[in-house]
Amino acid sequence: LNIPQESNVTVTVFDVFGSEVKSVYSGSAAAGDMSLMWDGTNNAGIPVAPGTYIVRVNGDGFNASSKITVAR
């Protein structure tokens, strides 16, 4: 993830239908590259099914999203 400016960010994983799967991070982030690991579980701690998921990053004045694939 590239954070364009220091800000509060949230990183959330959604399924392809737009339902929230997991809130991965919520807090402050410095400008620049940010790395996060998602353990492949949902908010209840249950492993998700293989497939495509959307990672959405929301910050102060910016939004970004990308697709990821879970393979087991």
PDB file of N, CA and C in Angstrom:
ATOM      1  N   LEU A   1       0.846  -1.174   0.000  1.00  0.00           N
ATOM      2  CA  LEU A   1       0.000   0.000   0.000  1.00  0.00           C
ATOM      3  C   LEU A   1       0.888   1.232   0.000  1.00  0.00           C
ATOM      4  N   ASN A   2       0.520   2.221  -0.775  1.00  0.00           N
ATOM      5  CA  ASN A   2       1.251   3.478  -0.755  1.00  0.00           C
ATOM      6  C   ASN A   2       0.324   4.547  -0.202  1.00  0.00           C
ATOM      7  N   ILE A   3       0.705   5.093   0.936  1.00  0.00           N
ATOM      8  CA  ILE A   3      -0.075   6.128   1.597  1.00  0.00           C
ATOM      9  C   ILE A   3       0.487   7.477   1.145  1.00  0.00           C
ATOM     10  N   PRO A   4      -0.319   8.303   0.448  1.00  0.00           N
ATOM     11  CA  PRO A   4       0.205   9.539  -0.118  1.00  0.00           C
ATOM     12  C   PRO A   4       0.557  10.610   0.909  1.00  0.00           C
ATOM     13  N   GLN A   5      -0.071  10.565   2.083  1.00  0.00           N
ATOM     14  CA  GLN A   5       0.185  11.555   3.120  1.00  0.00           C
ATOM     15  C   GLN A   5      -0.121  10.932   4.469  1.00  0.00           C
ATOM     16  N   GLU A   6       0.489  11.450   5.522  1.00  0.00           N
ATOM     17  CA  GLU A   6       0.189  10.947   6.849  1.00  0.00           C
ATOM     18  C   GLU A   6      -1.299  11.140   7.113  1.00  0.00           C
ATOM     19  N   SER A   7      -1.965  10.088   7.545  1.00  0.00           N
ATOM     20  CA  SER A   7      -3.406  10.184   7.781  1.00  0.00           C
ATOM     21  C   SER A   7      -3.895   8.989   8.573  1.00  0.00           C
ATOM     22  N   ASN A   8      -5.157   9.064   8.957  1.00  0.00           N
ATOM     23  CA  ASN A   8      -5.829   7.920   9.551  1.00  0.00           C
ATOM     24  C   ASN A   8      -6.359   7.073   8.412  1.00  0.00           C
ATOM     25  N   VAL A   9      -6.107   5.783   8.467  1.00  0.00           N
ATOM     26  CA  VAL A   9      -6.540   4.896   7.392  1.00  0.00           C
ATOM     27  C   VAL A   9      -7.310   3.706   7.955  1.00  0.00           C
ATOM     28  N   THR A  10      -8.172   3.169   7.102  1.00  0.00           N
ATOM     29  CA  THR A  10      -8.807   1.892   7.388  1.00  0.00           C
ATOM     30  C   THR A  10      -8.531   0.985   6.192  1.00  0.00           C
ATOM     31  N   VAL A  11      -8.233  -0.257   6.479  1.00  0.00           N
ATOM     32  CA  VAL A  11      -8.009  -1.259   5.438  1.00  0.00           C
ATOM     33  C   VAL A  11      -9.010  -2.374   5.697  1.00  0.00           C
ATOM     34  N   THR A  12      -9.856  -2.616   4.708  1.00  0.00           N
ATOM     35  CA  THR A  12     -10.946  -3.585   4.867  1.00  0.00           C
ATOM     36  C   THR A  12     -10.979  -4.525   3.675  1.00  0.00           C
ATOM     37  N   VAL A  13     -11.243  -5.799   3.929  1.00  0.00           N
ATOM     38  CA  VAL A  13     -11.390  -6.804   2.877  1.00  0.00           C
ATOM     39  C   VAL A  13     -12.883  -7.058   2.678  1.00  0.00           C
ATOM     40  N   PHE A  14     -13.304  -7.067   1.398  1.00  0.00           N
ATOM     41  CA  PHE A  14     -14.689  -7.330   1.037  1.00  0.00           C
ATOM     42  C   PHE A  14     -14.742  -8.516   0.088  1.00  0.00           C
ATOM     43  N   ASP A  15     -15.890  -9.218   0.064  1.00  0.00           N
ATOM     44  CA  ASP A  15     -16.071 -10.254  -0.950  1.00  0.00           C
ATOM     45  C   ASP A  15     -16.536  -9.579  -2.244  1.00  0.00           C
ATOM     46  N   VAL A  16     -16.678 -10.339  -3.313  1.00  0.00           N
ATOM     47  CA  VAL A  16     -17.037  -9.763  -4.612  1.00  0.00           C
ATOM     48  C   VAL A  16     -18.466  -9.218  -4.640  1.00  0.00           C
ATOM     49  N   PHE A  17     -19.261  -9.522  -3.617  1.00  0.00           N
ATOM     50  CA  PHE A  17     -20.625  -9.007  -3.533  1.00  0.00           C
ATOM     51  C   PHE A  17     -20.694  -7.707  -2.730  1.00  0.00           C
ATOM     52  N   GLY A  18     -19.547  -7.274  -2.183  1.00  0.00           N
ATOM     53  CA  GLY A  18     -19.485  -6.020  -1.437  1.00  0.00           C
ATOM     54  C   GLY A  18     -19.699  -6.152   0.052  1.00  0.00           C
ATOM     55  N   SER A  19     -19.805  -7.377   0.556  1.00  0.00           N
ATOM     56  CA  SER A  19     -19.965  -7.587   1.994  1.00  0.00           C
ATOM     57  C   SER A  19     -18.612  -7.570   2.683  1.00  0.00           C
ATOM     58  N   GLU A  20     -18.542  -6.899   3.835  1.00  0.00           N
ATOM     59  CA  GLU A  20     -17.283  -6.855   4.575  1.00  0.00           C
ATOM     60  C   GLU A  20     -16.916  -8.248   5.066  1.00  0.00           C
ATOM     61  N   VAL A  21     -15.668  -8.626   4.835  1.00  0.00           N
ATOM     62  CA  VAL A  21     -15.140  -9.902   5.294  1.00  0.00           C
ATOM     63  C   VAL A  21     -14.297  -9.691   6.549  1.00  0.00           C
ATOM     64  N   LYS A  22     -13.387  -8.701   6.497  1.00  0.00           N
ATOM     65  CA  LYS A  22     -12.491  -8.472   7.631  1.00  0.00           C
ATOM     66  C   LYS A  22     -12.007  -7.039   7.648  1.00  0.00           C
ATOM     67  N   SER A  23     -12.022  -6.446   8.830  1.00  0.00           N
ATOM     68  CA  SER A  23     -11.372  -5.158   9.050  1.00  0.00           C
ATOM     69  C   SER A  23      -9.932  -5.472   9.440  1.00  0.00           C
ATOM     70  N   VAL A  24      -8.995  -5.147   8.552  1.00  0.00           N
ATOM     71  CA  VAL A  24      -7.600  -5.541   8.740  1.00  0.00           C
ATOM     72  C   VAL A  24      -6.829  -4.528   9.576  1.00  0.00           C
ATOM     73  N   TYR A  25      -7.116  -3.235   9.366  1.00  0.00           N
ATOM     74  CA  TYR A  25      -6.363  -2.197  10.082  1.00  0.00           C
ATOM     75  C   TYR A  25      -7.192  -0.935  10.173  1.00  0.00           C
ATOM     76  N   SER A  26      -7.085  -0.253  11.295  1.00  0.00           N
ATOM     77  CA  SER A  26      -7.696   1.056  11.477  1.00  0.00           C
ATOM     78  C   SER A  26      -6.803   1.841  12.419  1.00  0.00           C
ATOM     79  N   GLY A  27      -6.242   2.938  11.906  1.00  0.00           N
ATOM     80  CA  GLY A  27      -5.359   3.740  12.736  1.00  0.00           C
ATOM     81  C   GLY A  27      -4.550   4.700  11.901  1.00  0.00           C
ATOM     82  N   SER A  28      -3.542   5.290  12.519  1.00  0.00           N
ATOM     83  CA  SER A  28      -2.727   6.266  11.806  1.00  0.00           C
ATOM     84  C   SER A  28      -1.654   5.551  10.987  1.00  0.00           C
ATOM     85  N   ALA A  29      -1.258   6.228   9.907  1.00  0.00           N
ATOM     86  CA  ALA A  29      -0.220   5.686   9.033  1.00  0.00           C
ATOM     87  C   ALA A  29       0.619   6.841   8.507  1.00  0.00           C
ATOM     88  N   ALA A  30       1.915   6.639   8.455  1.00  0.00           N
ATOM     89  CA  ALA A  30       2.821   7.633   7.902  1.00  0.00           C
ATOM     90  C   ALA A  30       2.753   7.594   6.382  1.00  0.00           C
ATOM     91  N   ALA A  31       3.138   8.680   5.747  1.00  0.00           N
ATOM     92  CA  ALA A  31       3.201   8.713   4.287  1.00  0.00           C
ATOM     93  C   ALA A  31       4.244   7.708   3.807  1.00  0.00           C
ATOM     94  N   GLY A  32       3.967   7.085   2.673  1.00  0.00           N
ATOM     95  CA  GLY A  32       4.904   6.129   2.090  1.00  0.00           C
ATOM     96  C   GLY A  32       4.313   4.740   2.027  1.00  0.00           C
ATOM     97  N   ASP A  33       5.192   3.772   1.843  1.00  0.00           N
ATOM     98  CA  ASP A  33       4.751   2.389   1.711  1.00  0.00           C
ATOM     99  C   ASP A  33       4.353   1.809   3.062  1.00  0.00           C
ATOM    100  N   MET A  34       3.269   1.050   3.043  1.00  0.00           N
ATOM    101  CA  MET A  34       2.760   0.383   4.247  1.00  0.00           C
ATOM    102  C   MET A  34       2.471  -1.063   3.882  1.00  0.00           C
ATOM    103  N   SER A  35       2.953  -1.991   4.682  1.00  0.00           N
ATOM    104  CA  SER A  35       2.712  -3.409   4.443  1.00  0.00           C
ATOM    105  C   SER A  35       1.812  -3.966   5.536  1.00  0.00           C
ATOM    106  N   LEU A  36       0.862  -4.774   5.114  1.00  0.00           N
ATOM    107  CA  LEU A  36      -0.031  -5.447   6.046  1.00  0.00           C
ATOM    108  C   LEU A  36      -0.179  -6.898   5.613  1.00  0.00           C
ATOM    109  N   MET A  37      -0.412  -7.759   6.568  1.00  0.00           N
ATOM    110  CA  MET A  37      -0.695  -9.166   6.276  1.00  0.00           C
ATOM    111  C   MET A  37      -2.125  -9.458   6.705  1.00  0.00           C
ATOM    112  N   TRP A  38      -2.854 -10.128   5.827  1.00  0.00           N
ATOM    113  CA  TRP A  38      -4.187 -10.619   6.151  1.00  0.00           C
ATOM    114  C   TRP A  38      -4.057 -12.123   6.284  1.00  0.00           C
ATOM    115  N   ASP A  39      -4.546 -12.678   7.371  1.00  0.00           N
ATOM    116  CA  ASP A  39      -4.388 -14.105   7.633  1.00  0.00           C
ATOM    117  C   ASP A  39      -5.401 -14.983   6.911  1.00  0.00           C
ATOM    118  N   GLY A  40      -6.253 -14.401   6.058  1.00  0.00           N
ATOM    119  CA  GLY A  40      -7.211 -15.197   5.297  1.00  0.00           C
ATOM    120  C   GLY A  40      -8.428 -15.624   6.082  1.00  0.00           C
ATOM    121  N   THR A  41      -8.685 -14.921   7.196  1.00  0.00           N
ATOM    122  CA  THR A  41      -9.872 -15.232   7.986  1.00  0.00           C
ATOM    123  C   THR A  41     -10.842 -14.059   7.942  1.00  0.00           C
ATOM    124  N   ASN A  42     -12.093 -14.330   8.330  1.00  0.00           N
ATOM    125  CA  ASN A  42     -13.070 -13.254   8.411  1.00  0.00           C
ATOM    126  C   ASN A  42     -13.034 -12.633   9.805  1.00  0.00           C
ATOM    127  N   ASN A  43     -13.942 -11.695  10.076  1.00  0.00           N
ATOM    128  CA  ASN A  43     -13.953 -11.029  11.385  1.00  0.00           C
ATOM    129  C   ASN A  43     -14.219 -11.982  12.540  1.00  0.00           C
ATOM    130  N   ALA A  44     -14.806 -13.161  12.266  1.00  0.00           N
ATOM    131  CA  ALA A  44     -15.062 -14.160  13.303  1.00  0.00           C
ATOM    132  C   ALA A  44     -13.884 -15.118  13.482  1.00  0.00           C
ATOM    133  N   GLY A  45     -12.819 -14.943  12.671  1.00  0.00           N
ATOM    134  CA  GLY A  45     -11.655 -15.814  12.776  1.00  0.00           C
ATOM    135  C   GLY A  45     -11.751 -17.095  11.971  1.00  0.00           C
ATOM    136  N   ILE A  46     -12.768 -17.212  11.122  1.00  0.00           N
ATOM    137  CA  ILE A  46     -12.979 -18.406  10.308  1.00  0.00           C
ATOM    138  C   ILE A  46     -12.289 -18.229   8.957  1.00  0.00           C
ATOM    139  N   PRO A  47     -11.526 -19.220   8.496  1.00  0.00           N
ATOM    140  CA  PRO A  47     -10.880 -19.100   7.182  1.00  0.00           C
ATOM    141  C   PRO A  47     -11.908 -18.874   6.073  1.00  0.00           C
ATOM    142  N   VAL A  48     -11.583 -17.946   5.157  1.00  0.00           N
ATOM    143  CA  VAL A  48     -12.485 -17.655   4.044  1.00  0.00           C
ATOM    144  C   VAL A  48     -12.308 -18.686   2.944  1.00  0.00           C
ATOM    145  N   ALA A  49     -13.292 -18.771   2.080  1.00  0.00           N
ATOM    146  CA  ALA A  49     -13.238 -19.683   0.942  1.00  0.00           C
ATOM    147  C   ALA A  49     -12.260 -19.156  -0.106  1.00  0.00           C
ATOM    148  N   PRO A  50     -11.662 -20.053  -0.892  1.00  0.00           N
ATOM    149  CA  PRO A  50     -10.824 -19.593  -1.993  1.00  0.00           C
ATOM    150  C   PRO A  50     -11.644 -18.708  -2.937  1.00  0.00           C
ATOM    151  N   GLY A  51     -10.998 -17.723  -3.517  1.00  0.00           N
ATOM    152  CA  GLY A  51     -11.690 -16.845  -4.442  1.00  0.00           C
ATOM    153  C   GLY A  51     -11.076 -15.472  -4.493  1.00  0.00           C
ATOM    154  N   THR A  52     -11.791 -14.551  -5.111  1.00  0.00           N
ATOM    155  CA  THR A  52     -11.325 -13.181  -5.283  1.00  0.00           C
ATOM    156  C   THR A  52     -11.954 -12.285  -4.227  1.00  0.00           C
ATOM    157  N   TYR A  53     -11.142 -11.401  -3.681  1.00  0.00           N
ATOM    158  CA  TYR A  53     -11.573 -10.452  -2.655  1.00  0.00           C
ATOM    159  C   TYR A  53     -11.065  -9.065  -3.029  1.00  0.00           C
ATOM    160  N   ILE A  54     -11.729  -8.054  -2.503  1.00  0.00           N
ATOM    161  CA  ILE A  54     -11.355  -6.667  -2.752  1.00  0.00           C
ATOM    162  C   ILE A  54     -10.792  -6.089  -1.459  1.00  0.00           C
ATOM    163  N   VAL A  55      -9.618  -5.458  -1.548  1.00  0.00           N
ATOM    164  CA  VAL A  55      -9.028  -4.751  -0.413  1.00  0.00           C
ATOM    165  C   VAL A  55      -9.250  -3.266  -0.648  1.00  0.00           C
ATOM    166  N   ARG A  56      -9.905  -2.609   0.290  1.00  0.00           N
ATOM    167  CA  ARG A  56     -10.183  -1.179   0.158  1.00  0.00           C
ATOM    168  C   ARG A  56      -9.427  -0.417   1.247  1.00  0.00           C
ATOM    169  N   VAL A  57      -8.726   0.629   0.830  1.00  0.00           N
ATOM    170  CA  VAL A  57      -7.991   1.502   1.741  1.00  0.00           C
ATOM    171  C   VAL A  57      -8.648   2.873   1.695  1.00  0.00           C
ATOM    172  N   ASN A  58      -9.090   3.347   2.832  1.00  0.00           N
ATOM    173  CA  ASN A  58      -9.675   4.687   2.939  1.00  0.00           C
ATOM    174  C   ASN A  58      -8.822   5.506   3.888  1.00  0.00           C
ATOM    175  N   GLY A  59      -8.489   6.721   3.456  1.00  0.00           N
ATOM    176  CA  GLY A  59      -7.694   7.614   4.290  1.00  0.00           C
ATOM    177  C   GLY A  59      -8.217   9.023   4.200  1.00  0.00           C
ATOM    178  N   ASP A  60      -7.513   9.930   4.843  1.00  0.00           N
ATOM    179  CA  ASP A  60      -7.881  11.336   4.814  1.00  0.00           C
ATOM    180  C   ASP A  60      -7.637  11.882   3.411  1.00  0.00           C
ATOM    181  N   GLY A  61      -8.684  11.983   2.609  1.00  0.00           N
ATOM    182  CA  GLY A  61      -8.569  12.565   1.286  1.00  0.00           C
ATOM    183  C   GLY A  61      -8.178  11.603   0.182  1.00  0.00           C
ATOM    184  N   PHE A  62      -8.133  10.298   0.439  1.00  0.00           N
ATOM    185  CA  PHE A  62      -7.823   9.342  -0.622  1.00  0.00           C
ATOM    186  C   PHE A  62      -8.497   8.004  -0.363  1.00  0.00           C
ATOM    187  N   ASN A  63      -8.743   7.288  -1.434  1.00  0.00           N
ATOM    188  CA  ASN A  63      -9.310   5.938  -1.398  1.00  0.00           C
ATOM    189  C   ASN A  63      -8.602   5.113  -2.457  1.00  0.00           C
ATOM    190  N   ALA A  64      -8.389   3.860  -2.186  1.00  0.00           N
ATOM    191  CA  ALA A  64      -7.783   2.963  -3.178  1.00  0.00           C
ATOM    192  C   ALA A  64      -8.343   1.565  -2.944  1.00  0.00           C
ATOM    193  N   SER A  65      -8.349   0.771  -3.996  1.00  0.00           N
ATOM    194  CA  SER A  65      -8.777  -0.613  -3.860  1.00  0.00           C
ATOM    195  C   SER A  65      -8.004  -1.486  -4.835  1.00  0.00           C
ATOM    196  N   SER A  66      -7.915  -2.754  -4.497  1.00  0.00           N
ATOM    197  CA  SER A  66      -7.276  -3.716  -5.390  1.00  0.00           C
ATOM    198  C   SER A  66      -7.869  -5.097  -5.138  1.00  0.00           C
ATOM    199  N   LYS A  67      -7.720  -5.972  -6.121  1.00  0.00           N
ATOM    200  CA  LYS A  67      -8.214  -7.332  -6.000  1.00  0.00           C
ATOM    201  C   LYS A  67      -7.089  -8.235  -5.514  1.00  0.00           C
ATOM    202  N   ILE A  68      -7.466  -9.203  -4.704  1.00  0.00           N
ATOM    203  CA  ILE A  68      -6.527 -10.250  -4.294  1.00  0.00           C
ATOM    204  C   ILE A  68      -7.234 -11.582  -4.448  1.00  0.00           C
ATOM    205  N   THR A  69      -6.439 -12.629  -4.576  1.00  0.00           N
ATOM    206  CA  THR A  69      -6.982 -13.979  -4.725  1.00  0.00           C
ATOM    207  C   THR A  69      -6.498 -14.840  -3.586  1.00  0.00           C
ATOM    208  N   VAL A  70      -7.424 -15.556  -2.967  1.00  0.00           N
ATOM    209  CA  VAL A  70      -7.091 -16.530  -1.933  1.00  0.00           C
ATOM    210  C   VAL A  70      -7.122 -17.900  -2.574  1.00  0.00           C
ATOM    211  N   ALA A  71      -6.023 -18.625  -2.462  1.00  0.00           N
ATOM    212  CA  ALA A  71      -5.930 -19.997  -2.992  1.00  0.00           C
ATOM    213  C   ALA A  71      -5.535 -20.899  -1.827  1.00  0.00           C
ATOM    214  N   ARG A  72      -6.152 -22.011  -1.754  1.00  0.00           N
ATOM    215  CA  ARG A  72      -5.831 -22.962  -0.662  1.00  0.00           C
ATOM    216  C   ARG A  72      -5.422 -24.286  -1.247  1.00  0.00           C
TER     217      ARG A  72
END
